[in-house]
Amino acid sequence: MATNLTPLAPGTKLATIGTFYPAEVVTSEVGTAPTTKAPMRKTVIRWTESIPAAGVHKGETEVWVQIAGRTPRFVITADN
């Protein structure tokens, strides 16, 4: 897995791994994890659909962090 993380562009469409709940990037920045000092990407996502049973509500935001070398929680999607 790549250890070089880059910020994601606002508006980038995402889907959660395993459940494929759709979201989009609000902001994204690269920094250092406070405890491990490993490179990390902090991304604020906004849900684009509601899945009430999963606690996902359209328009709400969440902060997700990816540590370099670890499995991310989402994948970038594309419209075809």
C-alpha atoms as a PDB file:
ATOM      1  CA  MET A   1       0.000   0.000   0.000  1.00  0.00           C
ATOM      2  CA  ALA A   2       1.259   3.471  -0.831  1.00  0.00           C
ATOM      3  CA  THR A   3       2.697   5.526   1.993  1.00  0.00           C
ATOM      4  CA  ASN A   4       2.354   8.828   0.143  1.00  0.00           C
ATOM      5  CA  LEU A   5      -1.024  10.387   0.855  1.00  0.00           C
ATOM      6  CA  THR A   6      -2.359  13.420  -0.968  1.00  0.00           C
ATOM      7  CA  PRO A   7      -5.369  15.584  -0.139  1.00  0.00           C
ATOM      8  CA  LEU A   8      -8.582  14.788  -1.981  1.00  0.00           C
ATOM      9  CA  ALA A   9     -10.264  17.532  -3.990  1.00  0.00           C
ATOM     10  CA  PRO A  10     -13.511  18.952  -2.587  1.00  0.00           C
ATOM     11  CA  GLY A  11     -16.479  17.400  -4.393  1.00  0.00           C
ATOM     12  CA  THR A  12     -14.710  14.076  -5.009  1.00  0.00           C
ATOM     13  CA  LYS A  13     -17.296  11.292  -4.823  1.00  0.00           C
ATOM     14  CA  LEU A  14     -16.610   8.456  -2.370  1.00  0.00           C
ATOM     15  CA  ALA A  15     -18.207   5.230  -1.198  1.00  0.00           C
ATOM     16  CA  THR A  16     -17.571   3.464   2.091  1.00  0.00           C
ATOM     17  CA  ILE A  17     -15.732   0.149   1.827  1.00  0.00           C
ATOM     18  CA  GLY A  18     -18.039  -2.845   2.308  1.00  0.00           C
ATOM     19  CA  THR A  19     -21.331  -0.944   2.490  1.00  0.00           C
ATOM     20  CA  PHE A  20     -20.880   1.494  -0.407  1.00  0.00           C
ATOM     21  CA  TYR A  21     -22.702   4.375   1.302  1.00  0.00           C
ATOM     22  CA  PRO A  22     -22.175   7.397  -0.995  1.00  0.00           C
ATOM     23  CA  ALA A  23     -20.502  10.591   0.183  1.00  0.00           C
ATOM     24  CA  GLU A  24     -18.439  13.491  -1.146  1.00  0.00           C
ATOM     25  CA  VAL A  25     -15.341  15.312   0.085  1.00  0.00           C
ATOM     26  CA  VAL A  26     -15.885  18.643   1.858  1.00  0.00           C
ATOM     27  CA  THR A  27     -12.236  19.236   2.853  1.00  0.00           C
ATOM     28  CA  SER A  28      -9.089  17.126   2.956  1.00  0.00           C
ATOM     29  CA  GLU A  29      -5.607  17.720   4.337  1.00  0.00           C
ATOM     30  CA  VAL A  30      -2.431  15.736   4.921  1.00  0.00           C
ATOM     31  CA  GLY A  31      -0.626  15.836   8.245  1.00  0.00           C
ATOM     32  CA  THR A  32       0.971  13.650  10.908  1.00  0.00           C
ATOM     33  CA  ALA A  33      -0.892  11.312  13.257  1.00  0.00           C
ATOM     34  CA  PRO A  34      -0.462  12.643  16.809  1.00  0.00           C
ATOM     35  CA  THR A  35       0.289   9.298  18.484  1.00  0.00           C
ATOM     36  CA  THR A  36       2.235   7.370  15.835  1.00  0.00           C
ATOM     37  CA  LYS A  37       3.751  10.319  13.917  1.00  0.00           C
ATOM     38  CA  ALA A  38       2.828   8.447  10.710  1.00  0.00           C
ATOM     39  CA  PRO A  39       1.601  10.373   7.683  1.00  0.00           C
ATOM     40  CA  MET A  40      -2.187  10.703   7.678  1.00  0.00           C
ATOM     41  CA  ARG A  41      -4.990  12.189   5.602  1.00  0.00           C
ATOM     42  CA  LYS A  42      -7.873  13.871   7.445  1.00  0.00           C
ATOM     43  CA  THR A  43     -10.978  14.155   5.269  1.00  0.00           C
ATOM     44  CA  VAL A  44     -14.350  15.700   6.071  1.00  0.00           C
ATOM     45  CA  ILE A  45     -17.060  13.878   4.124  1.00  0.00           C
ATOM     46  CA  ARG A  46     -20.725  14.737   3.552  1.00  0.00           C
ATOM     47  CA  TRP A  47     -23.255  11.946   3.072  1.00  0.00           C
ATOM     48  CA  THR A  48     -25.143  12.261  -0.226  1.00  0.00           C
ATOM     49  CA  GLU A  49     -27.913   9.766   0.598  1.00  0.00           C
ATOM     50  CA  SER A  50     -29.790   8.750   3.742  1.00  0.00           C
ATOM     51  CA  ILE A  51     -29.536   5.224   5.146  1.00  0.00           C
ATOM     52  CA  PRO A  52     -31.347   5.636   8.500  1.00  0.00           C
ATOM     53  CA  ALA A  53     -30.738   2.048   9.648  1.00  0.00           C
ATOM     54  CA  ALA A  54     -26.995   2.761   9.457  1.00  0.00           C
ATOM     55  CA  GLY A  55     -27.202   6.189  11.076  1.00  0.00           C
ATOM     56  CA  VAL A  56     -26.299   7.864   7.772  1.00  0.00           C
ATOM     57  CA  HIS A  57     -28.255  11.043   7.018  1.00  0.00           C
ATOM     58  CA  LYS A  58     -27.971  13.054   3.817  1.00  0.00           C
ATOM     59  CA  GLY A  59     -26.155  16.352   4.346  1.00  0.00           C
ATOM     60  CA  GLU A  60     -24.472  15.383   7.642  1.00  0.00           C
ATOM     61  CA  THR A  61     -20.682  15.460   7.797  1.00  0.00           C
ATOM     62  CA  GLU A  62     -18.088  13.219   9.436  1.00  0.00           C
ATOM     63  CA  VAL A  63     -14.313  13.370   9.813  1.00  0.00           C
ATOM     64  CA  TRP A  64     -12.422  10.313   8.600  1.00  0.00           C
ATOM     65  CA  VAL A  65      -8.696   9.745   9.011  1.00  0.00           C
ATOM     66  CA  GLN A  66      -6.488   7.454   6.938  1.00  0.00           C
ATOM     67  CA  ILE A  67      -3.039   6.496   8.272  1.00  0.00           C
ATOM     68  CA  ALA A  68      -0.475   5.701   5.576  1.00  0.00           C
ATOM     69  CA  GLY A  69      -0.037   1.947   5.152  1.00  0.00           C
ATOM     70  CA  ARG A  70      -3.457   1.084   6.644  1.00  0.00           C
ATOM     71  CA  THR A  71      -6.654   0.166   4.833  1.00  0.00           C
ATOM     72  CA  PRO A  72      -8.767   3.249   4.053  1.00  0.00           C
ATOM     73  CA  ARG A  73     -12.451   3.428   5.054  1.00  0.00           C
ATOM     74  CA  PHE A  74     -13.625   4.611   1.640  1.00  0.00           C
ATOM     75  CA  VAL A  75     -12.878   4.352  -2.065  1.00  0.00           C
ATOM     76  CA  ILE A  76     -13.125   7.011  -4.750  1.00  0.00           C
ATOM     77  CA  THR A  77     -16.000   6.384  -7.156  1.00  0.00           C
ATOM     78  CA  ALA A  78     -16.839   7.620 -10.635  1.00  0.00           C
ATOM     79  CA  ASP A  79     -19.998   8.291 -12.590  1.00  0.00           C
ATOM     80  CA  ASN A  80     -20.180   6.318 -15.830  1.00  0.00           C
END
